[in-house]
Each structure stands twice: as C-alpha cells, then as structure tokens.
C-alpha cells in the first residue's frame, strides 16, 4: 500500500470505532454528568434568589377624573389659551403620561433603593462604585411600553427579595404621585396668577377708560356752563328776565344745551332767570349725578364691577384649592399585592443544562483521551 493511501486511511473517521470509544468511557461521562449536576444543584441552593414580576399601569378612570369636572368647566368659561382640543384643563392621558415620565426619571426608585436595599447598604467602595451599583440595581425596575398593540405600560421587576421589592415599589409610587400632585398644583397656581394679571390689566384699561369719559363729561359741562353764562349775560343786557318764547318755540329748543349755538332761535330768549337756574342746577350736581347720564360711563362702570367681582375667577380659585392636586390625593389606584412574583431559578432546567454540559464535556474528554492513546501507540510502533 502506498504512503499516500495509508495517510488517507488514517484520516478516515470510523463511526463504529467512535461509538465504541464513547461507550468504553461511559462511566467517565457519567461521572462528568454527576459532577456538573452537583454543581448545578449547589448553584440552585446557594445562589441568591431572583424574583420576577410585572404590574400593568392603568389609565385614570372616569370616576377619578370626575373630581376635576368643576375645574375643567370653569376653565372653559375663562377661555384658557393652553387648553387641549377637548377643552380640558386636566386630562386623563396627560396625567398618565405625567406619571410615566416621573417613573422613568428613576429619582424616586433610586431614593427607595438606597433606603431599603440591603445589598446597597452593605456595599463598601468609592462613590463611583456605589453609583455603578445603584445604576445596576435601578435597572431591575424597568418601565416597559408603550405596547404597540395595546398602547399600555408596565413595570417589570427582577429582585432578590420579594418583600424588599414591594417596599421599594410602593414607596416609589407614593413619591411619584406626590410629585405629580405638586407639579400640577403649581401649574394651576400659575394659571391663577396669569388670570390675576389679566384681570388687573383689564381693570387698569377700564379705569383709564373711565377717567377719559369723566374728563370728556367734565369738559362738556364746562362748555355748557360757559355757554349758559354767555346767554345769561345777553338776556340781562336785553332785560329779558323771563322767557320771551312761545310754547311752540320752547318745545323746539327743549332739552338742547351747547348745540343751541347752531339753533335758529336764540337761547337767551328763555330769560336769564331760567338760564341761571339751569346753570345753578348743573353746578350743584355731584360727581355721580354728572357721570351717570353717560351710557359709555355706565357701561365701563359695569365692566369694572364685574372684574372686581369676577365670579368665574373665584369659582376657579375655589376649584383649585379643593382639587385632588391641592390635597395631594390624586393617584392611579395600583394594587401591588396582586403582583405574582416567580423565582427565576428553575431546578429542573438547571439540572438538565448542567447535566447536558457534563455529558458534552465527558464525551470530549473520552475522545481526546482515546485519540491521545492511539497516537502514542502509533508512535511506539513506528
């Protein structure tokens, strides 16, 4: 047989020989399986437990949102520019997203991990090492969502102590809702301040309008008094004490004041007694009597009184003061006791995987050992 043919024969794999070799080392393989399974069993009993559980975050219910009805209705009357398309100052989805955003900043969860986690409290190291540890622990509370189909969110938890995880979650949620209440109450207070500023600005404008109307009325009165004085002097000069007008003439100029200058019938013909009496009556009028004759003044005065006693504003202010945000009572009702925690350590799975690993290692060991022995024999024969 040629050298090349011999080398080719040596390189061939004999399946029967392979199986016989494995079978011959069966007890070695069994020992490897038993050893790795024992290690897997030791891991199951001595490795820290890891509990996993999920909790779905629910949207605020209609009953919860009914507590904001008066607030939303009053806001509509006040015509807030920042209201959404549904004209709701406080809206369910916006509140829910507010809660999700608070959870996702992890400030509350981090604070509660530092308070309750025994692993963190027992840690020794530099500030950076502790920061890295808290970052790792924080990632075990994962805010998942929104789901593409249901558009829902959930909190996924993986922790080594079930009760510790519940304590962290419950107190974190309390802080989250407290912050959501505080933020929204501040938002409503900012609306109140804006309304106050708007009302004060409107009052300033109305006051300015009232001053302008008063000045106009005073100026008109001065013009009228001057006109009456001139007509009285003319009447005295002509010695017309009493009216020299007929009843029809009196009717034609009755109730006309300064505009009489353009009237064809001279006003002084009424007589200086009547003219001076009219002048005296005009001078004796109080401020209110002077101004109430003006429709423009009455309209502005009515507007000012309404601004002073703004019923919608006061109703909105009362609604803000008794809102769930003010009393820190808004929350999404989440029952954490319904979370089903499951230990992620599975004894059967651990034994199967460790046994499988032991079998593979045992087979490899047997084959390598057989190959080494065969090679040694060939070397000795050569």
Protein backbone atom coordinates (compact mmCIF):
# COMPACT_ATOMS: atom_id res chain seq x y z
CA UNK A 1 0.00 0.00 0.00
CA UNK A 2 1.37 3.40 -0.96
CA UNK A 3 2.24 6.01 1.67
CA UNK A 4 -0.47 8.36 0.36
CA UNK A 5 -3.18 5.67 0.62
CA UNK A 6 -2.07 4.87 4.16
CA UNK A 7 -2.36 8.54 5.20
CA UNK A 8 -5.84 8.75 3.65
CA UNK A 9 -6.94 5.66 5.58
CA UNK A 10 -5.60 7.13 8.80
CA UNK A 11 -7.61 10.32 8.25
CA UNK A 12 -10.92 8.46 7.85
CA UNK A 13 -13.42 8.56 10.78
CA UNK A 14 -14.72 5.15 11.77
CA UNK A 15 -18.17 5.77 13.29
CA UNK A 16 -18.27 2.29 14.82
CA UNK A 17 -14.92 2.92 16.47
CA UNK A 18 -16.16 6.34 17.68
CA UNK A 19 -19.25 4.85 19.32
CA UNK A 20 -17.20 2.03 20.85
CA UNK A 21 -14.77 4.59 22.28
CA UNK A 22 -17.61 6.64 23.80
CA UNK A 23 -19.28 3.51 25.19
CA UNK A 24 -15.98 2.36 26.67
CA UNK A 25 -15.72 5.68 28.54
CA UNK A 26 -19.36 5.72 29.62
CA UNK A 27 -18.54 5.79 33.33
CA UNK A 28 -16.22 8.73 32.82
CA UNK A 29 -19.05 10.56 31.02
CA UNK A 30 -21.49 9.60 33.79
CA UNK A 31 -19.08 10.95 36.38
CA UNK A 32 -18.83 14.25 34.47
CA UNK A 33 -22.63 14.47 34.29
CA UNK A 34 -22.94 13.77 38.03
CA UNK A 35 -20.23 16.34 38.82
CA UNK A 36 -21.79 19.15 36.76
CA UNK A 37 -25.28 18.29 38.00
CA UNK A 38 -23.95 18.51 41.57
CA UNK A 39 -22.51 21.91 40.77
CA UNK A 40 -25.86 22.96 39.30
CA UNK A 41 -27.64 21.72 42.41
CA UNK A 42 -25.20 23.66 44.60
CA UNK A 43 -25.85 26.77 42.48
CA UNK A 44 -29.60 26.35 42.96
CA UNK A 45 -29.33 26.18 46.75
CA UNK A 46 -26.59 28.74 47.34
CA UNK A 47 -27.04 31.35 44.59
CA UNK A 48 -29.22 34.37 45.56
CA UNK A 49 -32.89 34.11 44.67
CA UNK A 50 -34.19 36.26 41.85
CA UNK A 51 -37.89 37.05 41.83
CA UNK A 52 -39.57 38.43 38.73
CA UNK A 53 -42.96 40.09 38.44
CA UNK A 54 -44.90 42.56 36.31
CA UNK A 55 -47.53 45.20 37.07
CA UNK A 56 -49.54 46.98 34.41
CA UNK A 57 -50.01 50.74 34.78
CA UNK A 58 -53.68 51.68 34.44
CA UNK A 59 -55.06 54.91 32.99
CA UNK A 60 -57.03 57.14 35.41
CA UNK A 61 -60.67 56.02 35.49
CA UNK A 62 -63.68 58.22 34.72
CA UNK A 63 -64.52 58.23 38.42
CA UNK A 64 -61.05 59.62 39.22
CA UNK A 65 -61.35 62.27 36.51
CA UNK A 66 -64.85 63.31 37.67
CA UNK A 67 -63.12 65.06 40.60
CA UNK A 68 -61.78 67.60 38.07
CA UNK A 69 -65.15 68.35 36.42
CA UNK A 70 -65.73 71.72 38.11
CA UNK A 71 -62.13 72.72 37.42
CA UNK A 72 -62.45 71.90 33.70
CA UNK A 73 -65.85 73.56 33.31
CA UNK A 74 -64.67 76.77 34.98
CA UNK A 75 -61.56 76.78 32.80
CA UNK A 76 -63.78 76.68 29.70
CA UNK A 77 -65.61 79.82 30.89
CA UNK A 78 -62.29 81.59 31.43
CA UNK A 79 -61.12 80.62 27.92
CA UNK A 80 -57.60 79.40 28.67
CA UNK A 81 -55.46 79.54 25.55
CA UNK A 82 -53.48 76.47 26.62
CA UNK A 83 -56.46 74.10 26.75
CA UNK A 84 -56.19 70.99 24.58
CA UNK A 85 -58.54 70.17 21.70
CA UNK A 86 -61.13 68.68 24.04
CA UNK A 87 -61.10 71.88 26.12
CA UNK A 88 -59.88 70.02 29.21
CA UNK A 89 -57.51 71.72 31.62
CA UNK A 90 -56.91 68.40 33.41
CA UNK A 91 -56.99 65.45 31.03
CA UNK A 92 -56.61 61.71 31.80
CA UNK A 93 -53.96 60.82 29.21
CA UNK A 94 -51.82 63.85 30.08
CA UNK A 95 -51.90 62.88 33.77
CA UNK A 96 -51.00 59.29 32.92
CA UNK A 97 -48.03 60.39 30.79
CA UNK A 98 -47.01 62.63 33.69
CA UNK A 99 -46.89 59.56 35.96
CA UNK A 100 -44.91 57.53 33.38
CA UNK A 101 -42.40 60.37 32.95
CA UNK A 102 -41.90 60.58 36.73
CA UNK A 103 -41.28 56.83 36.92
CA UNK A 104 -38.84 56.91 34.02
CA UNK A 105 -36.62 59.54 35.60
CA UNK A 106 -35.93 56.89 38.32
CA UNK A 107 -35.33 59.52 41.01
CA UNK A 108 -37.96 58.07 43.33
CA UNK A 109 -36.91 54.46 42.68
CA UNK A 110 -33.25 55.34 43.28
CA UNK A 111 -34.12 57.02 46.57
CA UNK A 112 -36.11 53.99 47.77
CA UNK A 113 -33.38 51.53 46.71
CA UNK A 114 -30.93 53.47 48.86
CA UNK A 115 -33.42 53.29 51.73
CA UNK A 116 -34.47 49.62 51.51
CA UNK A 117 -31.83 47.62 49.58
CA UNK A 118 -29.67 45.56 51.93
CA UNK A 119 -27.26 44.90 49.08
CA UNK A 120 -26.71 48.64 48.60
CA UNK A 121 -26.49 49.36 52.32
CA UNK A 122 -23.90 46.61 52.78
CA UNK A 123 -21.78 47.80 49.86
CA UNK A 124 -18.32 49.21 50.55
CA UNK A 125 -16.44 51.21 47.95
CA UNK A 126 -15.85 54.56 46.37
CA UNK A 127 -18.65 56.92 45.39
CA UNK A 128 -18.23 55.83 41.77
CA UNK A 129 -18.53 52.17 42.69
CA UNK A 130 -21.67 52.88 44.69
CA UNK A 131 -23.08 54.92 41.81
CA UNK A 132 -22.42 52.00 39.44
CA UNK A 133 -24.10 49.63 41.89
CA UNK A 134 -27.19 51.80 42.25
CA UNK A 135 -27.41 52.11 38.46
CA UNK A 136 -27.37 48.32 38.15
CA UNK A 137 -29.96 47.85 40.88
CA UNK A 138 -32.14 50.58 39.39
CA UNK A 139 -32.25 48.78 36.05
CA UNK A 140 -34.05 45.87 37.76
CA UNK A 141 -37.12 48.15 37.88
CA UNK A 142 -37.88 48.56 34.20
CA UNK A 143 -40.69 50.74 32.82
CA UNK A 144 -41.81 48.90 29.67
CA UNK A 145 -44.01 50.41 26.97
CA UNK A 146 -45.96 51.57 25.28
CA UNK A 147 -47.05 48.25 23.81
CA UNK A 148 -47.54 48.57 20.05
CA UNK A 149 -50.90 46.78 20.10
CA UNK A 150 -52.49 47.84 23.38
CA UNK A 151 -50.57 51.11 23.99
CA UNK A 152 -50.14 50.08 27.64
CA UNK A 153 -47.22 50.36 30.05
CA UNK A 154 -46.00 48.03 32.76
CA UNK A 155 -43.36 47.90 35.48
CA UNK A 156 -41.14 44.83 35.17
CA UNK A 157 -39.26 43.87 38.36
CA UNK A 158 -36.38 41.45 38.99
CA UNK A 159 -35.22 41.42 42.63
CA UNK A 160 -33.64 39.05 45.13
CA UNK A 161 -36.19 39.70 47.87
CA UNK A 162 -39.93 39.85 47.18
CA UNK A 163 -40.92 41.96 50.19
CA UNK A 164 -38.00 44.34 49.67
CA UNK A 165 -39.07 44.85 46.04
CA UNK A 166 -42.65 45.60 47.15
CA UNK A 167 -41.43 48.12 49.73
CA UNK A 168 -39.31 49.90 47.13
CA UNK A 169 -42.15 49.92 44.58
CA UNK A 170 -44.89 51.07 46.98
CA UNK A 171 -42.89 53.96 48.42
CA UNK A 172 -41.60 54.95 44.97
CA UNK A 173 -45.18 55.16 43.69
CA UNK A 174 -46.15 57.27 46.71
CA UNK A 175 -43.35 59.72 45.86
CA UNK A 176 -44.27 59.70 42.16
CA UNK A 177 -47.91 60.63 42.87
CA UNK A 178 -46.80 63.25 45.39
CA UNK A 179 -44.59 64.86 42.73
CA UNK A 180 -47.34 64.66 40.10
CA UNK A 181 -49.75 66.36 42.52
CA UNK A 182 -47.21 69.07 43.35
CA UNK A 183 -46.34 69.77 39.71
CA UNK A 184 -49.97 70.04 38.62
CA UNK A 185 -50.94 72.18 41.62
CA UNK A 186 -48.12 74.58 40.72
CA UNK A 187 -49.38 74.59 37.14
CA UNK A 188 -52.89 75.54 38.30
CA UNK A 189 -51.46 78.22 40.57
CA UNK A 190 -49.59 79.67 37.60
CA UNK A 191 -52.94 79.85 35.76
CA UNK A 192 -54.40 81.67 38.75
CA UNK A 193 -51.54 84.17 38.74
CA UNK A 194 -51.95 84.66 34.99
CA UNK A 195 -55.66 85.27 35.49
CA UNK A 196 -54.93 87.76 38.24
CA UNK A 197 -52.53 89.64 35.99
CA UNK A 198 -55.01 89.54 33.12
CA UNK A 199 -57.84 90.81 35.34
CA UNK A 200 -55.66 93.57 36.80
CA UNK A 201 -54.61 94.66 33.31
CA UNK A 202 -58.24 94.75 32.20
CA UNK A 203 -59.15 96.77 35.29
CA UNK A 204 -56.37 99.25 34.51
CA UNK A 205 -57.69 99.61 30.96
CA UNK A 206 -61.26 100.12 32.20
CA UNK A 207 -60.09 102.65 34.80
CA UNK A 208 -58.26 104.55 32.09
CA UNK A 209 -61.44 104.48 30.01
CA UNK A 210 -63.47 105.79 32.96
CA UNK A 211 -61.00 108.63 33.51
CA UNK A 212 -61.18 109.55 29.83
CA UNK A 213 -65.01 109.51 29.87
CA UNK A 214 -65.08 111.64 33.04
CA UNK A 215 -62.72 114.17 31.53
CA UNK A 216 -64.90 114.30 28.44
CA UNK A 217 -68.04 114.81 30.55
CA UNK A 218 -66.32 117.50 32.68
CA UNK A 219 -65.11 119.31 29.57
CA UNK A 220 -68.59 119.18 28.03
CA UNK A 221 -70.06 120.51 31.29
CA UNK A 222 -67.60 123.40 31.31
CA UNK A 223 -68.53 124.22 27.73
CA UNK A 224 -72.22 124.10 28.63
CA UNK A 225 -71.76 126.33 31.71
CA UNK A 226 -69.75 128.83 29.68
CA UNK A 227 -72.46 128.88 27.04
CA UNK A 228 -75.18 129.39 29.69
CA UNK A 229 -73.19 132.20 31.30
CA UNK A 230 -72.86 133.98 27.96
CA UNK A 231 -76.58 133.56 27.23
CA UNK A 232 -77.49 134.82 30.72
CA UNK A 233 -75.37 137.95 30.24
CA UNK A 234 -77.06 138.63 26.91
CA UNK A 235 -80.50 138.17 28.48
CA UNK A 236 -79.64 140.58 31.32
CA UNK A 237 -78.30 143.11 28.87
CA UNK A 238 -81.56 142.91 26.93
CA UNK A 239 -83.50 142.91 30.22
CA UNK A 240 -85.18 139.59 29.43
CA UNK A 241 -85.86 138.20 32.87
CA UNK A 242 -88.48 135.67 31.90
CA UNK A 243 -88.95 133.67 28.78
CA UNK A 244 -89.99 135.63 25.70
CA UNK A 245 -90.69 132.46 23.73
CA UNK A 246 -93.96 130.94 22.76
CA UNK A 247 -94.86 127.40 23.78
CA UNK A 248 -94.02 126.10 20.32
CA UNK A 249 -90.62 127.84 20.37
CA UNK A 250 -89.87 126.39 23.82
CA UNK A 251 -90.73 122.93 22.59
CA UNK A 252 -88.37 123.26 19.66
CA UNK A 253 -85.33 124.01 21.86
CA UNK A 254 -86.29 121.96 24.94
CA UNK A 255 -83.52 119.72 26.19
CA UNK A 256 -80.80 121.17 23.98
CA UNK A 257 -77.63 122.60 25.54
CA UNK A 258 -74.41 123.59 23.81
CA UNK A 259 -75.70 122.59 20.44
CA UNK A 260 -78.06 125.53 20.70
CA UNK A 261 -75.31 127.62 19.21
CA UNK A 262 -76.39 126.32 15.85
CA UNK A 263 -80.14 126.67 16.61
CA UNK A 264 -82.06 129.39 14.72
CA UNK A 265 -83.90 130.50 17.92
CA UNK A 266 -81.57 132.37 20.32
CA UNK A 267 -81.21 130.63 23.64
CA UNK A 268 -81.12 133.86 25.69
CA UNK A 269 -84.79 134.41 24.86
CA UNK A 270 -85.56 131.92 27.62
CA UNK A 271 -84.69 134.70 30.10
CA UNK A 272 -81.78 135.00 32.43
CA UNK A 273 -83.74 133.62 35.41
CA UNK A 274 -84.31 130.26 33.70
CA UNK A 275 -80.79 130.21 32.27
CA UNK A 276 -79.14 130.97 35.62
CA UNK A 277 -81.36 128.40 37.32
CA UNK A 278 -80.25 125.78 34.79
CA UNK A 279 -76.63 126.77 35.34
CA UNK A 280 -77.11 126.53 39.12
CA UNK A 281 -78.60 123.07 38.83
CA UNK A 282 -75.71 121.88 36.67
CA UNK A 283 -73.18 123.22 39.17
CA UNK A 284 -74.96 121.56 42.08
CA UNK A 285 -74.70 118.08 40.57
CA UNK A 286 -72.47 115.59 42.41
CA UNK A 287 -69.86 113.59 40.52
CA UNK A 288 -72.14 110.55 40.29
CA UNK A 289 -75.00 112.71 39.03
CA UNK A 290 -72.75 114.22 36.39
CA UNK A 291 -71.49 110.89 35.07
CA UNK A 292 -74.50 108.57 35.25
CA UNK A 293 -76.12 110.41 32.38
CA UNK A 294 -73.43 108.97 30.09
CA UNK A 295 -74.17 105.50 28.66
CA UNK A 296 -70.47 104.99 27.96
CA UNK A 297 -69.59 105.73 31.58
CA UNK A 298 -72.28 103.34 32.85
CA UNK A 299 -71.06 100.58 30.52
CA UNK A 300 -67.44 100.96 31.66
CA UNK A 301 -68.50 101.15 35.29
CA UNK A 302 -70.50 97.93 34.89
CA UNK A 303 -67.47 96.21 33.31
CA UNK A 304 -65.25 97.33 36.20
CA UNK A 305 -67.69 96.00 38.81
CA UNK A 306 -67.79 92.64 37.01
CA UNK A 307 -64.00 92.49 37.01
CA UNK A 308 -63.95 93.33 40.72
CA UNK A 309 -66.45 90.56 41.45
CA UNK A 310 -65.28 88.00 38.89
CA UNK A 311 -67.48 85.01 39.79
CA UNK A 312 -65.80 82.65 37.28
CA UNK A 313 -62.35 83.51 38.62
CA UNK A 314 -63.45 82.98 42.22
CA UNK A 315 -65.09 79.69 41.29
CA UNK A 316 -61.91 78.57 39.54
CA UNK A 317 -59.81 79.62 42.54
CA UNK A 318 -62.07 77.58 44.85
CA UNK A 319 -61.91 74.60 42.49
CA UNK A 320 -58.09 74.76 42.51
CA UNK A 321 -57.95 74.96 46.31
CA UNK A 322 -60.11 71.84 46.78
CA UNK A 323 -58.75 69.88 43.81
CA UNK A 324 -57.02 66.50 44.37
CA UNK A 325 -53.75 68.23 43.48
CA UNK A 326 -54.12 70.65 46.40
CA UNK A 327 -54.92 67.85 48.85
CA UNK A 328 -52.24 65.54 47.37
CA UNK A 329 -54.88 62.87 46.80
CA UNK A 330 -54.62 62.19 43.07
CA UNK A 331 -53.22 58.76 42.26
CA UNK A 332 -53.72 55.90 39.86
CA UNK A 333 -55.01 53.06 42.01
CA UNK A 334 -52.40 50.31 41.66
CA UNK A 335 -52.62 47.22 43.87
CA UNK A 336 -49.05 45.97 44.17
CA UNK A 337 -50.22 42.98 46.24
CA UNK A 338 -51.60 41.49 43.02
CA UNK A 339 -48.10 41.16 41.52
CA UNK A 340 -47.24 37.48 41.13
CA UNK A 341 -43.53 37.11 41.80
CA UNK A 342 -41.87 33.99 40.42
CA UNK A 343 -38.43 32.72 41.34
CA UNK A 344 -36.37 32.73 38.16
CA UNK A 345 -34.24 29.81 39.47
CA UNK A 346 -35.69 26.63 37.90
CA UNK A 347 -34.28 23.45 39.48
CA UNK A 348 -35.22 21.14 36.61
CA UNK A 349 -33.83 23.50 33.99
CA UNK A 350 -30.60 23.93 35.97
CA UNK A 351 -30.15 20.13 36.35
CA UNK A 352 -30.91 19.48 32.66
CA UNK A 353 -28.49 22.16 31.42
CA UNK A 354 -25.74 21.23 33.87
CA UNK A 355 -26.19 17.52 33.04
CA UNK A 356 -26.08 18.30 29.31
CA UNK A 357 -22.92 20.32 29.80
CA UNK A 358 -21.38 17.48 31.84
CA UNK A 359 -22.26 14.96 29.10
CA UNK A 360 -20.63 17.11 26.41
CA UNK A 361 -17.50 17.66 28.47
CA UNK A 362 -17.37 13.93 29.33
CA UNK A 363 -17.63 12.89 25.66
CA UNK A 364 -14.95 15.38 24.64
CA UNK A 365 -12.68 14.15 27.41
CA UNK A 366 -13.15 10.49 26.41
CA UNK A 367 -12.49 11.19 22.72
CA UNK A 368 -9.43 13.34 23.39
CA UNK A 369 -8.03 10.74 25.78
CA UNK A 370 -8.62 7.91 23.24
CA UNK A 371 -7.02 9.91 20.45
CA UNK A 372 -4.01 10.65 22.59
CA UNK A 373 -3.58 6.95 23.47
CA UNK A 374 -3.90 5.88 19.84
CA UNK A 375 -1.34 8.42 18.76
CA UNK A 376 1.05 7.24 21.48
CA UNK A 377 0.69 3.60 20.32
CA UNK A 378 1.37 4.57 16.71
CA UNK A 379 4.45 6.46 17.79
CA UNK A 380 5.76 3.43 19.73
CA UNK A 381 5.07 1.09 16.77
CA UNK A 382 6.83 3.43 14.41
